[in-house]
C-alpha atoms as a PDB file:
ATOM      1  CA  MET A   1      98.085  91.786 -23.693  1.00  0.00           C
ATOM      2  CA  ILE A   2      99.374  89.079 -21.319  1.00  0.00           C
ATOM      3  CA  ASN A   3      96.254  89.311 -19.124  1.00  0.00           C
ATOM      4  CA  ASP A   4      94.042  89.043 -22.219  1.00  0.00           C
ATOM      5  CA  LYS A   5      95.753  85.761 -23.234  1.00  0.00           C
ATOM      6  CA  LYS A   6      95.366  84.408 -19.701  1.00  0.00           C
ATOM      7  CA  THR A   7      91.678  85.396 -19.665  1.00  0.00           C
ATOM      8  CA  VAL A   8      91.065  83.706 -23.021  1.00  0.00           C
ATOM      9  CA  LYS A   9      92.886  80.543 -21.869  1.00  0.00           C
ATOM     10  CA  ASP A  10      90.874  80.550 -18.632  1.00  0.00           C
ATOM     11  CA  LYS A  11      87.618  80.925 -20.532  1.00  0.00           C
ATOM     12  CA  ILE A  12      88.498  78.122 -22.964  1.00  0.00           C
ATOM     13  CA  PHE A  13      89.618  75.841 -20.111  1.00  0.00           C
ATOM     14  CA  LYS A  14      86.463  76.614 -18.094  1.00  0.00           C
ATOM     15  CA  GLU A  15      84.300  75.686 -21.088  1.00  0.00           C
ATOM     16  CA  TRP A  16      86.304  72.496 -21.650  1.00  0.00           C
ATOM     17  CA  LEU A  17      86.032  71.536 -17.965  1.00  0.00           C
ATOM     18  CA  TYR A  18      82.283  72.246 -17.975  1.00  0.00           C
ATOM     19  CA  GLN A  19      81.880  70.119 -21.110  1.00  0.00           C
ATOM     20  CA  LYS A  20      83.727  67.165 -19.600  1.00  0.00           C
ATOM     21  CA  TYR A  21      82.269  67.300 -16.089  1.00  0.00           C
ATOM     22  CA  VAL A  22      78.687  68.474 -16.637  1.00  0.00           C
ATOM     23  CA  ILE A  23      77.788  67.581 -20.223  1.00  0.00           C
ATOM     24  CA  GLU A  24      79.776  64.342 -20.609  1.00  0.00           C
ATOM     25  CA  ASP A  25      79.309  63.327 -16.934  1.00  0.00           C
ATOM     26  CA  LEU A  26      82.946  62.340 -16.474  1.00  0.00           C
ATOM     27  CA  TYR A  27      84.138  61.695 -12.940  1.00  0.00           C
ATOM     28  CA  GLY A  28      86.739  64.025 -11.444  1.00  0.00           C
ATOM     29  CA  TYR A  29      89.345  61.270 -11.495  1.00  0.00           C
ATOM     30  CA  GLU A  30      88.655  60.604 -15.210  1.00  0.00           C
ATOM     31  CA  ILE A  31      89.315  64.259 -16.043  1.00  0.00           C
ATOM     32  CA  ALA A  32      92.414  64.213 -13.817  1.00  0.00           C
ATOM     33  CA  ASN A  33      93.764  61.142 -15.629  1.00  0.00           C
ATOM     34  CA  LYS A  34      93.155  62.752 -19.045  1.00  0.00           C
ATOM     35  CA  ILE A  35      95.238  65.822 -18.248  1.00  0.00           C
ATOM     36  CA  LYS A  36      97.688  64.185 -15.800  1.00  0.00           C
ATOM     37  CA  VAL A  37      96.792  66.113 -12.631  1.00  0.00           C
ATOM     38  CA  SER A  38      95.451  65.048  -9.248  1.00  0.00           C
ATOM     39  CA  ARG A  39      91.747  64.648  -8.622  1.00  0.00           C
ATOM     40  CA  GLN A  40      91.958  67.378  -5.971  1.00  0.00           C
ATOM     41  CA  THR A  41      93.320  69.796  -8.593  1.00  0.00           C
ATOM     42  CA  VAL A  42      90.256  69.123 -10.751  1.00  0.00           C
ATOM     43  CA  PHE A  43      87.924  69.823  -7.821  1.00  0.00           C
ATOM     44  CA  ASN A  44      89.851  73.015  -7.038  1.00  0.00           C
ATOM     45  CA  TRP A  45      89.299  74.136 -10.645  1.00  0.00           C
ATOM     46  CA  LEU A  46      85.595  73.289 -10.449  1.00  0.00           C
ATOM     47  CA  LYS A  47      85.351  75.494  -7.376  1.00  0.00           C
ATOM     48  CA  LYS A  48      87.445  78.269  -8.974  1.00  0.00           C
ATOM     49  CA  TYR A  49      85.229  78.357 -12.073  1.00  0.00           C
ATOM     50  CA  GLY A  50      81.958  78.090 -10.134  1.00  0.00           C
ATOM     51  CA  ILE A  51      81.020  74.681 -11.546  1.00  0.00           C
ATOM     52  CA  SER A  52      78.937  72.817  -8.956  1.00  0.00           C
ATOM     53  CA  SER A  53      80.356  69.458  -8.051  1.00  0.00           C
ATOM     54  CA  ARG A  54      77.928  66.549  -8.019  1.00  0.00           C
ATOM     55  CA  LYS A  55      76.481  65.256  -4.790  1.00  0.00           C
ATOM     56  CA  LYS A  56      77.216  61.744  -3.577  1.00  0.00           C
ATOM     57  CA  GLY A  57      74.912  59.366  -5.368  1.00  0.00           C
ATOM     58  CA  GLN A  58      74.645  61.211  -8.672  1.00  0.00           C
ATOM     59  CA  ILE A  59      75.552  59.374 -11.913  1.00  0.00           C
ATOM     60  CA  LEU A  60      76.257  56.181 -10.005  1.00  0.00           C
ATOM     61  CA  ASP A  61      74.585  54.206 -12.758  1.00  0.00           C
ATOM     62  CA  LYS A  62      77.809  54.658 -14.771  1.00  0.00           C
ATOM     63  CA  HIS A  63      79.866  52.810 -12.135  1.00  0.00           C
ATOM     64  CA  HIS A  64      80.790  49.186 -12.921  1.00  0.00           C
ATOM     65  CA  ASN A  65      79.436  47.969  -9.540  1.00  0.00           C
ATOM     66  CA  TRP A  66      76.114  49.839  -9.798  1.00  0.00           C
ATOM     67  CA  ASN A  67      73.161  47.570  -9.011  1.00  0.00           C
ATOM     68  CA  GLY A  68      70.289  50.036  -8.971  1.00  0.00           C
ATOM     69  CA  GLY A  69      70.911  51.343  -5.470  1.00  0.00           C
ATOM     70  CA  ILE A  70      70.138  48.057  -3.734  1.00  0.00           C
ATOM     71  CA  SER A  71      72.562  46.474  -1.297  1.00  0.00           C
ATOM     72  CA  LYS A  72      72.352  43.290   0.772  1.00  0.00           C
ATOM     73  CA  ARG A  73      74.021  42.986   4.176  1.00  0.00           C
ATOM     74  CA  ASN A  74      73.319  40.344   6.832  1.00  0.00           C
ATOM     75  CA  GLN A  75      70.329  38.948   4.916  1.00  0.00           C
ATOM     76  CA  THR A  76      68.720  42.416   4.867  1.00  0.00           C
ATOM     77  CA  LEU A  77      68.024  44.471   1.755  1.00  0.00           C
ATOM     78  CA  TYR A  78      68.950  48.145   1.756  1.00  0.00           C
ATOM     79  CA  PHE A  79      68.068  50.864  -0.714  1.00  0.00           C
ATOM     80  CA  MET A  80      70.175  53.912  -1.449  1.00  0.00           C
ATOM     81  CA  GLN A  81      68.645  56.970   0.208  1.00  0.00           C
ATOM     82  CA  PRO A  82      71.534  59.414   0.769  1.00  0.00           C
ATOM     83  CA  TYR A  83      69.235  62.201   2.027  1.00  0.00           C
ATOM     84  CA  HIS A  84      67.123  60.043   4.372  1.00  0.00           C
ATOM     85  CA  PRO A  85      67.468  61.239   7.995  1.00  0.00           C
ATOM     86  CA  HIS A  86      68.183  57.712   9.265  1.00  0.00           C
ATOM     87  CA  ASN A  87      70.499  56.461   6.533  1.00  0.00           C
ATOM     88  CA  TYR A  88      73.602  54.450   7.305  1.00  0.00           C
ATOM     89  CA  ARG A  89      76.348  55.159   4.774  1.00  0.00           C
ATOM     90  CA  GLY A  90      73.652  56.368   2.380  1.00  0.00           C
ATOM     91  CA  TYR A  91      71.407  53.296   2.675  1.00  0.00           C
ATOM     92  CA  VAL A  92      68.142  52.522   4.523  1.00  0.00           C
ATOM     93  CA  SER A  93      66.639  49.071   5.024  1.00  0.00           C
ATOM     94  CA  ILE A  94      63.755  48.383   2.681  1.00  0.00           C
ATOM     95  CA  SER A  95      61.611  47.212   5.606  1.00  0.00           C
ATOM     96  CA  ASN A  96      62.039  50.642   7.241  1.00  0.00           C
ATOM     97  CA  LEU A  97      61.069  52.382   4.002  1.00  0.00           C
ATOM     98  CA  ILE A  98      57.927  50.232   3.690  1.00  0.00           C
ATOM     99  CA  ALA A  99      56.975  50.909   7.319  1.00  0.00           C
ATOM    100  CA  GLU A 100      57.510  54.650   6.809  1.00  0.00           C
ATOM    101  CA  LYS A 101      55.330  54.606   3.709  1.00  0.00           C
ATOM    102  CA  ILE A 102      52.536  52.874   5.635  1.00  0.00           C
ATOM    103  CA  LEU A 103      52.871  55.309   8.570  1.00  0.00           C
ATOM    104  CA  ASN A 104      53.265  58.279   6.224  1.00  0.00           C
ATOM    105  CA  ARG A 105      56.169  59.520   8.360  1.00  0.00           C
ATOM    106  CA  PHE A 106      59.777  58.679   9.209  1.00  0.00           C
ATOM    107  CA  LEU A 107      60.367  56.163  11.978  1.00  0.00           C
ATOM    108  CA  LYS A 108      61.228  57.791  15.283  1.00  0.00           C
ATOM    109  CA  ASP A 109      64.738  57.276  16.665  1.00  0.00           C
ATOM    110  CA  LYS A 110      63.648  54.532  19.087  1.00  0.00           C
ATOM    111  CA  GLU A 111      61.348  52.741  16.625  1.00  0.00           C
ATOM    112  CA  MET A 112      62.351  49.744  14.589  1.00  0.00           C
ATOM    113  CA  VAL A 113      60.804  47.111  12.361  1.00  0.00           C
ATOM    114  CA  HIS A 114      60.422  43.504  13.537  1.00  0.00           C
ATOM    115  CA  HIS A 115      59.918  40.752  10.947  1.00  0.00           C
ATOM    116  CA  ILE A 116      57.248  38.457  12.395  1.00  0.00           C
ATOM    117  CA  ASN A 117      58.562  35.352  10.607  1.00  0.00           C
ATOM    118  CA  PHE A 118      62.189  36.279  11.419  1.00  0.00           C
ATOM    119  CA  SER A 119      62.994  36.590   7.715  1.00  0.00           C
ATOM    120  CA  PRO A 120      64.563  40.001   7.014  1.00  0.00           C
ATOM    121  CA  MET A 121      64.087  39.376   3.281  1.00  0.00           C
ATOM    122  CA  ASP A 122      60.287  39.097   3.673  1.00  0.00           C
ATOM    123  CA  ASN A 123      59.186  42.738   3.567  1.00  0.00           C
ATOM    124  CA  LYS A 124      55.467  42.270   2.994  1.00  0.00           C
ATOM    125  CA  ASN A 125      53.280  44.637   5.037  1.00  0.00           C
ATOM    126  CA  HIS A 126      51.700  41.836   7.049  1.00  0.00           C
ATOM    127  CA  ASN A 127      55.117  40.528   8.141  1.00  0.00           C
ATOM    128  CA  LEU A 128      56.292  43.843   9.602  1.00  0.00           C
ATOM    129  CA  LEU A 129      55.700  44.994  13.167  1.00  0.00           C
ATOM    130  CA  ILE A 130      56.742  48.498  14.179  1.00  0.00           C
ATOM    131  CA  CYS A 131      57.856  48.664  17.791  1.00  0.00           C
ATOM    132  CA  ASN A 132      60.321  50.434  20.042  1.00  0.00           C
ATOM    133  CA  ARG A 133      63.756  48.938  20.668  1.00  0.00           C
ATOM    134  CA  SER A 134      63.059  47.702  24.190  1.00  0.00           C
ATOM    135  CA  TYR A 135      59.862  45.913  23.118  1.00  0.00           C
ATOM    136  CA  HIS A 136      61.703  44.414  20.148  1.00  0.00           C
ATOM    137  CA  LYS A 137      64.436  43.087  22.425  1.00  0.00           C
ATOM    138  CA  TRP A 138      61.826  41.724  24.864  1.00  0.00           C
ATOM    139  CA  LEU A 139      59.865  40.116  22.010  1.00  0.00           C
ATOM    140  CA  HIS A 140      62.919  38.212  20.760  1.00  0.00           C
ATOM    141  CA  TRP A 141      63.749  37.134  24.324  1.00  0.00           C
ATOM    142  CA  LYS A 142      60.189  35.945  24.986  1.00  0.00           C
ATOM    143  CA  ILE A 143      59.866  34.030  21.716  1.00  0.00           C
ATOM    144  CA  LYS A 144      63.233  32.359  22.361  1.00  0.00           C
ATOM    145  CA  LYS A 145      62.315  31.557  25.997  1.00  0.00           C
ATOM    146  CA  LEU A 146      59.038  29.945  24.916  1.00  0.00           C
ATOM    147  CA  GLY A 147      60.846  27.943  22.222  1.00  0.00           C
ATOM    148  CA  LEU A 148      58.729  29.437  19.448  1.00  0.00           C
ATOM    149  CA  VAL A 149      61.461  30.667  17.102  1.00  0.00           C
ATOM    150  CA  GLU A 150      61.040  27.780  14.657  1.00  0.00           C
ATOM    151  CA  TYR A 151      57.266  28.189  14.774  1.00  0.00           C
ATOM    152  CA  PHE A 152      57.499  31.853  13.777  1.00  0.00           C
ATOM    153  CA  LYS A 153      60.106  31.086  11.125  1.00  0.00           C
ATOM    154  CA  SER A 154      57.768  28.533   9.569  1.00  0.00           C
ATOM    155  CA  LEU A 155      54.815  30.910   9.452  1.00  0.00           C
ATOM    156  CA  GLN A 156      53.291  31.553   6.093  1.00  0.00           C
ATOM    157  CA  ILE A 157      51.764  34.895   7.061  1.00  0.00           C
ATOM    158  CA  ALA A 158      49.912  35.319   3.770  1.00  0.00           C
ATOM    159  CA  LYS A 159      48.189  31.933   4.147  1.00  0.00           C
ATOM    160  CA  ILE A 160      47.170  32.671   7.745  1.00  0.00           C
ATOM    161  CA  LEU A 161      45.713  36.046   6.772  1.00  0.00           C
ATOM    162  CA  GLN A 162      43.924  34.523   3.774  1.00  0.00           C
ATOM    163  CA  SER A 163      42.326  31.803   5.909  1.00  0.00           C
ATOM    164  CA  ALA A 164      41.266  34.405   8.501  1.00  0.00           C
ATOM    165  CA  VAL A 165      39.586  36.473   5.767  1.00  0.00           C
ATOM    166  CA  GLU A 166      37.847  33.401   4.326  1.00  0.00           C
ATOM    167  CA  SER A 167      36.514  32.313   7.726  1.00  0.00           C
ATOM    168  CA  GLU A 168      34.701  35.647   8.265  1.00  0.00           C
END
């Protein structure tokens, strides 16, 4: 009789936990706060009852700081890609994603994207140059040595390409 009561309570609790976590999409800490237990206890119960915990990045749109998976650091835009092989803390630079789309493959470990006009926010195809790290370093050194940094920064790549097309 005692085991039957425990089994019924377990079943009811499992259904309640499933309802809150899976159906209502509550975070583990929200469930923990409701029933005054630690978050770890909730995750232990999820494991005990065979309820799969969500992967990092799921239901983030509920979070008060959610901005669509886009982040900006050091004048560079990043997009959330938690399963990308070259992600950093779950994010990949948008310029890398564009380059990979054009190449139809992931960038190799030693490859990187150079912004021709030195503007990391300008991710148009014609402003991106895919090169290896040593060439990229050399390119920056050479442009600086020749005093051409301001020239490249002032480039309007789209206008140059348009005039080249028109002259043909």
